[in-house]
Each structure stands twice: as structure tokens, then as C-alpha cells.
């Protein structure tokens, strides 16, 4: 879902989506995406400012 450089294929192929959806109810995939999105944002910010996650400022 978050690997933009890997655009040679679908970000989430239908087969993978179907497999995951088989383990979740109809609302849970949305919640999962809403958890992944801010995590992805934080990863992109720390990469941009070259501050490894988990380090402290000071």
C-alpha cells in the first residue's frame, strides 16, 4: 500500500486484497488503512529530515 517506487504492479493486487479481506469484517480494512496512512506519513517525514525513528532530539 505504501511502496510508491514499486509501481510496476498494482499497489495491492486483488488476490492479496481478497486474502486479507477473508480475515476481516467489512469495516476492518478501512481501519487498517487509517492506521497505515499516518505511520507512512511519519516514515516519510523522518526520511526527509534524515532523523531515524526512535532517536531523541536534544
Protein backbone atom coordinates (compact mmCIF):
# COMPACT_ATOMS: atom_id res chain seq x y z
CA UNK A 1 0.00 0.00 0.00
CA UNK A 2 2.81 2.42 0.74
CA UNK A 3 5.61 1.42 -1.63
CA UNK A 4 5.32 4.14 -4.28
CA UNK A 5 8.63 3.27 -6.04
CA UNK A 6 7.29 -0.23 -6.74
CA UNK A 7 4.76 0.95 -9.31
CA UNK A 8 5.49 -1.84 -11.78
CA UNK A 9 2.46 -3.70 -10.42
CA UNK A 10 -0.75 -2.87 -8.61
CA UNK A 11 -0.04 -1.48 -5.11
CA UNK A 12 -2.34 -4.12 -3.61
CA UNK A 13 -3.17 -6.93 -6.04
CA UNK A 14 -6.74 -8.25 -5.95
CA UNK A 15 -5.56 -11.68 -4.76
CA UNK A 16 -3.84 -10.13 -1.72
CA UNK A 17 -6.83 -7.88 -1.00
CA UNK A 18 -9.17 -10.90 -1.14
CA UNK A 19 -6.92 -12.91 1.18
CA UNK A 20 -6.76 -10.13 3.77
CA UNK A 21 -10.47 -9.35 3.46
CA UNK A 22 -11.21 -13.00 4.22
CA UNK A 23 -9.83 -12.47 7.73
CA UNK A 24 -11.58 -9.16 8.44
CA UNK A 25 -15.14 -7.91 8.57
CA UNK A 26 -16.27 -5.30 6.04
CA UNK A 27 -15.20 -2.30 8.17
CA UNK A 28 -11.79 -3.50 9.34
CA UNK A 29 -9.85 -2.98 6.07
CA UNK A 30 -10.72 0.73 6.26
CA UNK A 31 -9.46 0.91 9.82
CA UNK A 32 -6.29 -0.89 8.85
CA UNK A 33 -5.64 1.64 6.09
CA UNK A 34 -6.29 4.51 8.51
CA UNK A 35 -3.60 3.10 10.81
CA UNK A 36 -1.12 2.54 7.97
CA UNK A 37 -1.52 6.04 6.49
CA UNK A 38 -0.20 8.10 9.46
CA UNK A 39 2.59 5.57 10.03
CA UNK A 40 3.58 6.03 6.39
CA UNK A 41 3.47 9.81 6.83
CA UNK A 42 5.80 9.62 9.83
CA UNK A 43 8.20 7.38 7.93
CA UNK A 44 8.31 9.83 5.03
CA UNK A 45 8.92 12.79 7.35
CA UNK A 46 11.76 11.06 9.21
CA UNK A 47 13.30 10.05 5.88
CA UNK A 48 13.01 13.61 4.54
CA UNK A 49 14.63 15.21 7.59
CA UNK A 50 17.09 12.31 7.90
CA UNK A 51 16.15 11.70 11.52
CA UNK A 52 15.97 7.97 12.23
CA UNK A 53 12.82 6.89 14.03
CA UNK A 54 13.30 6.38 17.75
CA UNK A 55 16.06 8.93 18.19
CA UNK A 56 15.65 11.85 20.56
CA UNK A 57 16.24 15.50 19.86
CA UNK A 58 18.46 17.42 22.09
